[in-house]
């Protein structure tokens, strides 16, 4: 945002000026994934509407953690390591 004071020539002398009337420049640095949705200037007040737009890949995910009791109730096949070996009886 940049504000420039237009030079004015008057015949009268000002004893006190309450607000500074010099030129100015204001820079706003926004965080990652923040976008400006709308900006308005009314009565010298700047209003900026910001929106945080985080991609789905970067949003936190919820991962469920099961217990051993849940494993016993679910039908799963167990693979034995001795499936190919045959016991020899003497």
PDB file of N, CA and C in Angstrom:
ATOM      1  N   UNK A   1       0.853  -1.153   0.000  1.00  0.00           N
ATOM      2  CA  UNK A   1       0.000   0.000   0.000  1.00  0.00           C
ATOM      3  C   UNK A   1       0.905   1.224   0.000  1.00  0.00           C
ATOM      4  N   UNK A   2       0.576   2.184  -0.819  1.00  0.00           N
ATOM      5  CA  UNK A   2       1.369   3.400  -0.931  1.00  0.00           C
ATOM      6  C   UNK A   2       0.431   4.592  -0.808  1.00  0.00           C
ATOM      7  N   UNK A   3       0.833   5.558  -0.019  1.00  0.00           N
ATOM      8  CA  UNK A   3       0.070   6.793   0.112  1.00  0.00           C
ATOM      9  C   UNK A   3       0.931   7.972  -0.274  1.00  0.00           C
ATOM     10  N   UNK A   4       0.428   8.780  -1.167  1.00  0.00           N
ATOM     11  CA  UNK A   4       1.163   9.965  -1.610  1.00  0.00           C
ATOM     12  C   UNK A   4       0.366  11.215  -1.287  1.00  0.00           C
ATOM     13  N   UNK A   5       1.015  12.183  -0.686  1.00  0.00           N
ATOM     14  CA  UNK A   5       0.389  13.457  -0.344  1.00  0.00           C
ATOM     15  C   UNK A   5       0.475  14.369  -1.560  1.00  0.00           C
ATOM     16  N   UNK A   6      -0.655  14.876  -1.951  1.00  0.00           N
ATOM     17  CA  UNK A   6      -0.685  15.821  -3.065  1.00  0.00           C
ATOM     18  C   UNK A   6      -0.300  17.210  -2.539  1.00  0.00           C
ATOM     19  N   UNK A   7       0.644  17.874  -3.199  1.00  0.00           N
ATOM     20  CA  UNK A   7       1.045  19.197  -2.720  1.00  0.00           C
ATOM     21  C   UNK A   7      -0.088  20.218  -2.916  1.00  0.00           C
ATOM     22  N   UNK A   8      -0.342  20.986  -1.860  1.00  0.00           N
ATOM     23  CA  UNK A   8      -1.362  22.032  -1.926  1.00  0.00           C
ATOM     24  C   UNK A   8      -0.728  23.351  -1.504  1.00  0.00           C
ATOM     25  N   UNK A   9      -1.100  24.382  -2.200  1.00  0.00           N
ATOM     26  CA  UNK A   9      -0.605  25.724  -1.857  1.00  0.00           C
ATOM     27  C   UNK A   9      -1.760  26.540  -1.300  1.00  0.00           C
ATOM     28  N   UNK A  10      -1.544  27.064  -0.101  1.00  0.00           N
ATOM     29  CA  UNK A  10      -2.572  27.876   0.543  1.00  0.00           C
ATOM     30  C   UNK A  10      -1.947  29.182   1.008  1.00  0.00           C
ATOM     31  N   UNK A  11      -2.810  30.157   1.277  1.00  0.00           N
ATOM     32  CA  UNK A  11      -2.358  31.463   1.754  1.00  0.00           C
ATOM     33  C   UNK A  11      -2.315  31.514   3.279  1.00  0.00           C
ATOM     34  N   UNK A  12      -2.739  30.493   3.964  1.00  0.00           N
ATOM     35  CA  UNK A  12      -2.788  30.535   5.405  1.00  0.00           C
ATOM     36  C   UNK A  12      -1.706  29.655   6.011  1.00  0.00           C
ATOM     37  N   UNK A  13      -1.382  29.947   7.263  1.00  0.00           N
ATOM     38  CA  UNK A  13      -0.314  29.248   7.967  1.00  0.00           C
ATOM     39  C   UNK A  13      -0.925  28.294   8.994  1.00  0.00           C
ATOM     40  N   UNK A  14      -0.409  27.069   9.043  1.00  0.00           N
ATOM     41  CA  UNK A  14      -0.907  26.051   9.971  1.00  0.00           C
ATOM     42  C   UNK A  14       0.000  26.036  11.193  1.00  0.00           C
ATOM     43  N   UNK A  15      -0.588  26.179  12.399  1.00  0.00           N
ATOM     44  CA  UNK A  15       0.186  26.142  13.628  1.00  0.00           C
ATOM     45  C   UNK A  15       0.436  24.700  14.097  1.00  0.00           C
ATOM     46  N   UNK A  16      -0.573  23.844  13.944  1.00  0.00           N
ATOM     47  CA  UNK A  16      -0.414  22.455  14.389  1.00  0.00           C
ATOM     48  C   UNK A  16      -1.181  21.550  13.430  1.00  0.00           C
ATOM     49  N   UNK A  17      -0.516  20.508  12.978  1.00  0.00           N
ATOM     50  CA  UNK A  17      -1.170  19.519  12.125  1.00  0.00           C
ATOM     51  C   UNK A  17      -1.175  18.210  12.909  1.00  0.00           C
ATOM     52  N   UNK A  18      -2.354  17.705  13.258  1.00  0.00           N
ATOM     53  CA  UNK A  18      -2.470  16.538  14.124  1.00  0.00           C
ATOM     54  C   UNK A  18      -1.986  15.252  13.488  1.00  0.00           C
ATOM     55  N   UNK A  19      -2.272  15.032  12.251  1.00  0.00           N
ATOM     56  CA  UNK A  19      -1.884  13.796  11.568  1.00  0.00           C
ATOM     57  C   UNK A  19      -0.715  14.087  10.640  1.00  0.00           C
ATOM     58  N   UNK A  20       0.198  13.133  10.552  1.00  0.00           N
ATOM     59  CA  UNK A  20       1.322  13.287   9.627  1.00  0.00           C
ATOM     60  C   UNK A  20       0.802  13.190   8.197  1.00  0.00           C
ATOM     61  N   UNK A  21       1.273  14.050   7.349  1.00  0.00           N
ATOM     62  CA  UNK A  21       0.789  14.062   5.968  1.00  0.00           C
ATOM     63  C   UNK A  21       1.913  13.760   4.984  1.00  0.00           C
ATOM     64  N   UNK A  22       2.919  13.058   5.437  1.00  0.00           N
ATOM     65  CA  UNK A  22       4.016  12.714   4.535  1.00  0.00           C
ATOM     66  C   UNK A  22       3.662  11.440   3.759  1.00  0.00           C
ATOM     67  N   UNK A  23       4.432  11.159   2.722  1.00  0.00           N
ATOM     68  CA  UNK A  23       4.232   9.950   1.936  1.00  0.00           C
ATOM     69  C   UNK A  23       4.622   8.726   2.765  1.00  0.00           C
ATOM     70  N   UNK A  24       4.004   7.604   2.468  1.00  0.00           N
ATOM     71  CA  UNK A  24       4.331   6.377   3.201  1.00  0.00           C
ATOM     72  C   UNK A  24       4.183   5.183   2.275  1.00  0.00           C
ATOM     73  N   UNK A  25       4.796   4.086   2.715  1.00  0.00           N
ATOM     74  CA  UNK A  25       4.691   2.812   2.011  1.00  0.00           C
ATOM     75  C   UNK A  25       4.634   1.711   3.065  1.00  0.00           C
ATOM     76  N   UNK A  26       3.633   0.853   2.987  1.00  0.00           N
ATOM     77  CA  UNK A  26       3.457  -0.246   3.936  1.00  0.00           C
ATOM     78  C   UNK A  26       3.435  -1.558   3.167  1.00  0.00           C
ATOM     79  N   UNK A  27       4.245  -2.525   3.589  1.00  0.00           N
ATOM     80  CA  UNK A  27       4.317  -3.823   2.939  1.00  0.00           C
ATOM     81  C   UNK A  27       3.871  -4.885   3.927  1.00  0.00           C
ATOM     82  N   UNK A  28       2.992  -5.762   3.480  1.00  0.00           N
ATOM     83  CA  UNK A  28       2.496  -6.869   4.302  1.00  0.00           C
ATOM     84  C   UNK A  28       3.055  -8.170   3.746  1.00  0.00           C
ATOM     85  N   UNK A  29       3.665  -8.972   4.587  1.00  0.00           N
ATOM     86  CA  UNK A  29       4.170 -10.286   4.184  1.00  0.00           C
ATOM     87  C   UNK A  29       3.211 -11.335   4.739  1.00  0.00           C
ATOM     88  N   UNK A  30       2.668 -12.127   3.836  1.00  0.00           N
ATOM     89  CA  UNK A  30       1.704 -13.145   4.235  1.00  0.00           C
ATOM     90  C   UNK A  30       2.389 -14.492   4.367  1.00  0.00           C
ATOM     91  N   UNK A  31       1.850 -15.329   5.226  1.00  0.00           N
ATOM     92  CA  UNK A  31       2.383 -16.678   5.425  1.00  0.00           C
ATOM     93  C   UNK A  31       2.093 -17.531   4.192  1.00  0.00           C
ATOM     94  N   UNK A  32       2.711 -18.704   4.146  1.00  0.00           N
ATOM     95  CA  UNK A  32       2.467 -19.620   3.037  1.00  0.00           C
ATOM     96  C   UNK A  32       1.005 -20.028   3.018  1.00  0.00           C
ATOM     97  N   UNK A  33       0.466 -20.170   1.836  1.00  0.00           N
ATOM     98  CA  UNK A  33      -0.899 -20.619   1.586  1.00  0.00           C
ATOM     99  C   UNK A  33      -1.958 -19.656   2.125  1.00  0.00           C
ATOM    100  N   UNK A  34      -1.619 -18.396   2.328  1.00  0.00           N
ATOM    101  CA  UNK A  34      -2.596 -17.381   2.727  1.00  0.00           C
ATOM    102  C   UNK A  34      -2.829 -16.476   1.531  1.00  0.00           C
ATOM    103  N   UNK A  35      -4.107 -16.287   1.203  1.00  0.00           N
ATOM    104  CA  UNK A  35      -4.474 -15.464   0.059  1.00  0.00           C
ATOM    105  C   UNK A  35      -5.377 -14.331   0.525  1.00  0.00           C
ATOM    106  N   UNK A  36      -5.323 -13.208  -0.196  1.00  0.00           N
ATOM    107  CA  UNK A  36      -6.180 -12.066   0.103  1.00  0.00           C
ATOM    108  C   UNK A  36      -7.493 -12.271  -0.638  1.00  0.00           C
ATOM    109  N   UNK A  37      -8.590 -12.372   0.096  1.00  0.00           N
ATOM    110  CA  UNK A  37      -9.900 -12.564  -0.508  1.00  0.00           C
ATOM    111  C   UNK A  37     -10.519 -11.227  -0.903  1.00  0.00           C
ATOM    112  N   UNK A  38     -10.333 -10.198  -0.058  1.00  0.00           N
ATOM    113  CA  UNK A  38     -10.951  -8.900  -0.315  1.00  0.00           C
ATOM    114  C   UNK A  38     -10.216  -7.843   0.495  1.00  0.00           C
ATOM    115  N   UNK A  39     -10.157  -6.631  -0.034  1.00  0.00           N
ATOM    116  CA  UNK A  39      -9.565  -5.506   0.700  1.00  0.00           C
ATOM    117  C   UNK A  39     -10.398  -4.259   0.417  1.00  0.00           C
ATOM    118  N   UNK A  40     -10.724  -3.534   1.480  1.00  0.00           N
ATOM    119  CA  UNK A  40     -11.503  -2.307   1.327  1.00  0.00           C
ATOM    120  C   UNK A  40     -10.860  -1.194   2.146  1.00  0.00           C
ATOM    121  N   UNK A  41     -11.030   0.027   1.680  1.00  0.00           N
ATOM    122  CA  UNK A  41     -10.540   1.206   2.381  1.00  0.00           C
ATOM    123  C   UNK A  41     -11.718   2.155   2.561  1.00  0.00           C
ATOM    124  N   UNK A  42     -12.171   2.284   3.808  1.00  0.00           N
ATOM    125  CA  UNK A  42     -13.301   3.158   4.117  1.00  0.00           C
ATOM    126  C   UNK A  42     -12.933   4.078   5.266  1.00  0.00           C
ATOM    127  N   UNK A  43     -13.099   5.356   5.072  1.00  0.00           N
ATOM    128  CA  UNK A  43     -12.828   6.371   6.095  1.00  0.00           C
ATOM    129  C   UNK A  43     -11.410   6.249   6.654  1.00  0.00           C
ATOM    130  N   UNK A  44     -10.466   5.905   5.784  1.00  0.00           N
ATOM    131  CA  UNK A  44      -9.072   5.811   6.198  1.00  0.00           C
ATOM    132  C   UNK A  44      -8.710   4.524   6.917  1.00  0.00           C
ATOM    133  N   UNK A  45      -9.647   3.569   6.976  1.00  0.00           N
ATOM    134  CA  UNK A  45      -9.401   2.302   7.655  1.00  0.00           C
ATOM    135  C   UNK A  45      -9.320   1.186   6.616  1.00  0.00           C
ATOM    136  N   UNK A  46      -8.197   0.475   6.589  1.00  0.00           N
ATOM    137  CA  UNK A  46      -7.989  -0.620   5.651  1.00  0.00           C
ATOM    138  C   UNK A  46      -8.453  -1.921   6.285  1.00  0.00           C
ATOM    139  N   UNK A  47      -9.347  -2.621   5.601  1.00  0.00           N
ATOM    140  CA  UNK A  47      -9.831  -3.933   6.056  1.00  0.00           C
ATOM    141  C   UNK A  47      -9.427  -4.965   5.018  1.00  0.00           C
ATOM    142  N   UNK A  48      -8.718  -6.012   5.457  1.00  0.00           N
ATOM    143  CA  UNK A  48      -8.229  -7.052   4.559  1.00  0.00           C
ATOM    144  C   UNK A  48      -8.783  -8.384   5.037  1.00  0.00           C
ATOM    145  N   UNK A  49      -9.464  -9.106   4.136  1.00  0.00           N
ATOM    146  CA  UNK A  49      -9.983 -10.435   4.436  1.00  0.00           C
ATOM    147  C   UNK A  49      -8.984 -11.463   3.907  1.00  0.00           C
ATOM    148  N   UNK A  50      -8.492 -12.316   4.804  1.00  0.00           N
ATOM    149  CA  UNK A  50      -7.499 -13.324   4.441  1.00  0.00           C
ATOM    150  C   UNK A  50      -8.118 -14.710   4.509  1.00  0.00           C
ATOM    151  N   UNK A  51      -7.663 -15.592   3.599  1.00  0.00           N
ATOM    152  CA  UNK A  51      -8.144 -16.970   3.554  1.00  0.00           C
ATOM    153  C   UNK A  51      -6.932 -17.890   3.552  1.00  0.00           C
ATOM    154  N   UNK A  52      -6.931 -18.882   4.456  1.00  0.00           N
ATOM    155  CA  UNK A  52      -5.850 -19.869   4.488  1.00  0.00           C
ATOM    156  C   UNK A  52      -6.293 -21.063   3.655  1.00  0.00           C
ATOM    157  N   UNK A  53      -5.579 -21.319   2.555  1.00  0.00           N
ATOM    158  CA  UNK A  53      -5.917 -22.378   1.612  1.00  0.00           C
ATOM    159  C   UNK A  53      -4.785 -23.398   1.612  1.00  0.00           C
ATOM    160  N   UNK A  54      -4.901 -24.418   2.484  1.00  0.00           N
ATOM    161  CA  UNK A  54      -3.861 -25.435   2.621  1.00  0.00           C
ATOM    162  C   UNK A  54      -4.198 -26.594   1.682  1.00  0.00           C
ATOM    163  N   UNK A  55      -3.247 -27.036   0.857  1.00  0.00           N
ATOM    164  CA  UNK A  55      -3.504 -28.187  -0.015  1.00  0.00           C
ATOM    165  C   UNK A  55      -3.787 -29.449   0.796  1.00  0.00           C
ATOM    166  N   UNK A  56      -4.534 -30.375   0.205  1.00  0.00           N
ATOM    167  CA  UNK A  56      -4.911 -31.615   0.896  1.00  0.00           C
ATOM    168  C   UNK A  56      -3.690 -32.425   1.321  1.00  0.00           C
ATOM    169  N   UNK A  57      -2.601 -32.404   0.522  1.00  0.00           N
ATOM    170  CA  UNK A  57      -1.414 -33.177   0.861  1.00  0.00           C
ATOM    171  C   UNK A  57      -0.776 -32.708   2.162  1.00  0.00           C
ATOM    172  N   UNK A  58      -0.947 -31.432   2.509  1.00  0.00           N
ATOM    173  CA  UNK A  58      -0.282 -30.881   3.681  1.00  0.00           C
ATOM    174  C   UNK A  58      -1.174 -30.842   4.921  1.00  0.00           C
ATOM    175  N   UNK A  59      -2.452 -31.172   4.767  1.00  0.00           N
ATOM    176  CA  UNK A  59      -3.348 -31.169   5.923  1.00  0.00           C
ATOM    177  C   UNK A  59      -3.024 -32.369   6.812  1.00  0.00           C
ATOM    178  N   UNK A  60      -3.206 -32.227   8.128  1.00  0.00           N
ATOM    179  CA  UNK A  60      -2.925 -33.357   9.027  1.00  0.00           C
ATOM    180  C   UNK A  60      -3.907 -34.500   8.772  1.00  0.00           C
ATOM    181  N   UNK A  61      -3.395 -35.729   8.868  1.00  0.00           N
ATOM    182  CA  UNK A  61      -4.228 -36.913   8.681  1.00  0.00           C
ATOM    183  C   UNK A  61      -4.447 -37.604  10.022  1.00  0.00           C
ATOM    184  N   UNK A  62      -5.553 -38.290  10.140  1.00  0.00           N
ATOM    185  CA  UNK A  62      -5.869 -39.037  11.359  1.00  0.00           C
ATOM    186  C   UNK A  62      -5.656 -40.516  11.061  1.00  0.00           C
ATOM    187  N   UNK A  63      -4.796 -41.137  11.846  1.00  0.00           N
ATOM    188  CA  UNK A  63      -4.480 -42.551  11.676  1.00  0.00           C
ATOM    189  C   UNK A  63      -4.951 -43.283  12.917  1.00  0.00           C
ATOM    190  N   UNK A  64      -5.850 -44.242  12.728  1.00  0.00           N
ATOM    191  CA  UNK A  64      -6.378 -45.008  13.852  1.00  0.00           C
ATOM    192  C   UNK A  64      -5.363 -46.043  14.310  1.00  0.00           C
ATOM    193  N   UNK A  65      -5.246 -46.197  15.608  1.00  0.00           N
ATOM    194  CA  UNK A  65      -4.326 -47.168  16.196  1.00  0.00           C
ATOM    195  C   UNK A  65      -5.162 -48.229  16.887  1.00  0.00           C
ATOM    196  N   UNK A  66      -5.015 -49.476  16.432  1.00  0.00           N
ATOM    197  CA  UNK A  66      -5.789 -50.575  16.995  1.00  0.00           C
ATOM    198  C   UNK A  66      -5.092 -51.172  18.203  1.00  0.00           C
ATOM    199  N   UNK A  67      -5.845 -52.000  18.954  1.00  0.00           N
ATOM    200  CA  UNK A  67      -5.291 -52.689  20.124  1.00  0.00           C
ATOM    201  C   UNK A  67      -5.187 -54.171  19.811  1.00  0.00           C
ATOM    202  N   UNK A  68      -4.543 -54.939  20.682  1.00  0.00           N
ATOM    203  CA  UNK A  68      -4.399 -56.380  20.470  1.00  0.00           C
ATOM    204  C   UNK A  68      -5.749 -57.076  20.571  1.00  0.00           C
ATOM    205  N   UNK A  69      -6.694 -56.541  21.315  1.00  0.00           N
ATOM    206  CA  UNK A  69      -8.025 -57.133  21.436  1.00  0.00           C
ATOM    207  C   UNK A  69      -8.748 -57.067  20.086  1.00  0.00           C
ATOM    208  N   UNK A  70      -8.524 -56.019  19.326  1.00  0.00           N
ATOM    209  CA  UNK A  70      -9.146 -55.889  18.016  1.00  0.00           C
ATOM    210  C   UNK A  70      -8.562 -56.901  17.047  1.00  0.00           C
ATOM    211  N   UNK A  71      -7.292 -57.252  17.199  1.00  0.00           N
ATOM    212  CA  UNK A  71      -6.661 -58.229  16.317  1.00  0.00           C
ATOM    213  C   UNK A  71      -7.250 -59.616  16.519  1.00  0.00           C
ATOM    214  N   UNK A  72      -7.607 -59.990  17.758  1.00  0.00           N
ATOM    215  CA  UNK A  72      -8.149 -61.307  18.033  1.00  0.00           C
ATOM    216  C   UNK A  72      -9.544 -61.463  17.465  1.00  0.00           C
ATOM    217  N   UNK A  73     -10.315 -60.415  17.406  1.00  0.00           N
ATOM    218  CA  UNK A  73     -11.680 -60.508  16.898  1.00  0.00           C
ATOM    219  C   UNK A  73     -11.719 -60.496  15.380  1.00  0.00           C
ATOM    220  N   UNK A  74     -10.695 -59.963  14.723  1.00  0.00           N
ATOM    221  CA  UNK A  74     -10.709 -59.913  13.268  1.00  0.00           C
ATOM    222  C   UNK A  74     -10.199 -61.230  12.703  1.00  0.00           C
ATOM    223  N   UNK A  75     -10.840 -61.757  11.654  1.00  0.00           N
ATOM    224  CA  UNK A  75     -10.411 -63.034  11.081  1.00  0.00           C
ATOM    225  C   UNK A  75      -9.173 -62.818  10.203  1.00  0.00           C
ATOM    226  N   UNK A  76      -8.022 -63.249  10.686  1.00  0.00           N
ATOM    227  CA  UNK A  76      -6.796 -63.157   9.912  1.00  0.00           C
ATOM    228  C   UNK A  76      -6.156 -64.524   9.856  1.00  0.00           C
ATOM    229  N   UNK A  77      -5.454 -64.805   8.801  1.00  0.00           N
ATOM    230  CA  UNK A  77      -4.754 -66.067   8.660  1.00  0.00           C
ATOM    231  C   UNK A  77      -3.348 -65.917   9.190  1.00  0.00           C
ATOM    232  N   UNK A  78      -2.927 -66.930   9.938  1.00  0.00           N
ATOM    233  CA  UNK A  78      -1.555 -66.941  10.420  1.00  0.00           C
ATOM    234  C   UNK A  78      -0.742 -67.854   9.519  1.00  0.00           C
ATOM    235  N   UNK A  79       0.417 -67.404   9.200  1.00  0.00           N
ATOM    236  CA  UNK A  79       1.299 -68.193   8.356  1.00  0.00           C
ATOM    237  C   UNK A  79       2.389 -68.772   9.238  1.00  0.00           C
ATOM    238  N   UNK A  80       2.483 -70.057   9.212  1.00  0.00           N
ATOM    239  CA  UNK A  80       3.505 -70.728  10.011  1.00  0.00           C
ATOM    240  C   UNK A  80       4.787 -70.815   9.199  1.00  0.00           C
ATOM    241  N   UNK A  81       5.900 -70.743   9.875  1.00  0.00           N
ATOM    242  CA  UNK A  81       7.168 -70.831   9.171  1.00  0.00           C
ATOM    243  C   UNK A  81       7.509 -72.275   8.819  1.00  0.00           C
ATOM    244  N   UNK A  82       6.851 -73.240   9.409  1.00  0.00           N
ATOM    245  CA  UNK A  82       7.144 -74.651   9.181  1.00  0.00           C
ATOM    246  C   UNK A  82       6.203 -75.256   8.135  1.00  0.00           C
ATOM    247  N   UNK A  83       5.676 -74.515   7.217  1.00  0.00           N
ATOM    248  CA  UNK A  83       4.712 -75.051   6.267  1.00  0.00           C
ATOM    249  C   UNK A  83       5.339 -76.021   5.287  1.00  0.00           C
ATOM    250  N   UNK A  84       6.586 -75.851   4.896  1.00  0.00           N
ATOM    251  CA  UNK A  84       7.229 -76.702   3.914  1.00  0.00           C
ATOM    252  C   UNK A  84       7.967 -77.877   4.550  1.00  0.00           C
ATOM    253  N   UNK A  85       8.243 -77.837   5.815  1.00  0.00           N
ATOM    254  CA  UNK A  85       8.991 -78.898   6.481  1.00  0.00           C
ATOM    255  C   UNK A  85       8.051 -80.013   6.933  1.00  0.00           C
ATOM    256  N   UNK A  86       8.494 -81.203   6.753  1.00  0.00           N
ATOM    257  CA  UNK A  86       7.728 -82.355   7.249  1.00  0.00           C
ATOM    258  C   UNK A  86       8.546 -83.047   8.312  1.00  0.00           C
ATOM    259  N   UNK A  87       7.905 -83.371   9.376  1.00  0.00           N
ATOM    260  CA  UNK A  87       8.595 -84.045  10.477  1.00  0.00           C
ATOM    261  C   UNK A  87       8.793 -85.513  10.136  1.00  0.00           C
ATOM    262  N   UNK A  88       9.992 -85.982  10.348  1.00  0.00           N
ATOM    263  CA  UNK A  88      10.317 -87.385  10.106  1.00  0.00           C
ATOM    264  C   UNK A  88      10.237 -88.143  11.425  1.00  0.00           C
ATOM    265  N   UNK A  89       9.520 -89.171  11.427  1.00  0.00           N
ATOM    266  CA  UNK A  89       9.378 -89.982  12.634  1.00  0.00           C
ATOM    267  C   UNK A  89      10.291 -91.186  12.483  1.00  0.00           C
ATOM    268  N   UNK A  90      11.113 -91.451  13.514  1.00  0.00           N
ATOM    269  CA  UNK A  90      12.068 -92.560  13.414  1.00  0.00           C
ATOM    270  C   UNK A  90      11.499 -93.854  13.857  1.00  0.00           C
TER     271      UNK A  90
END
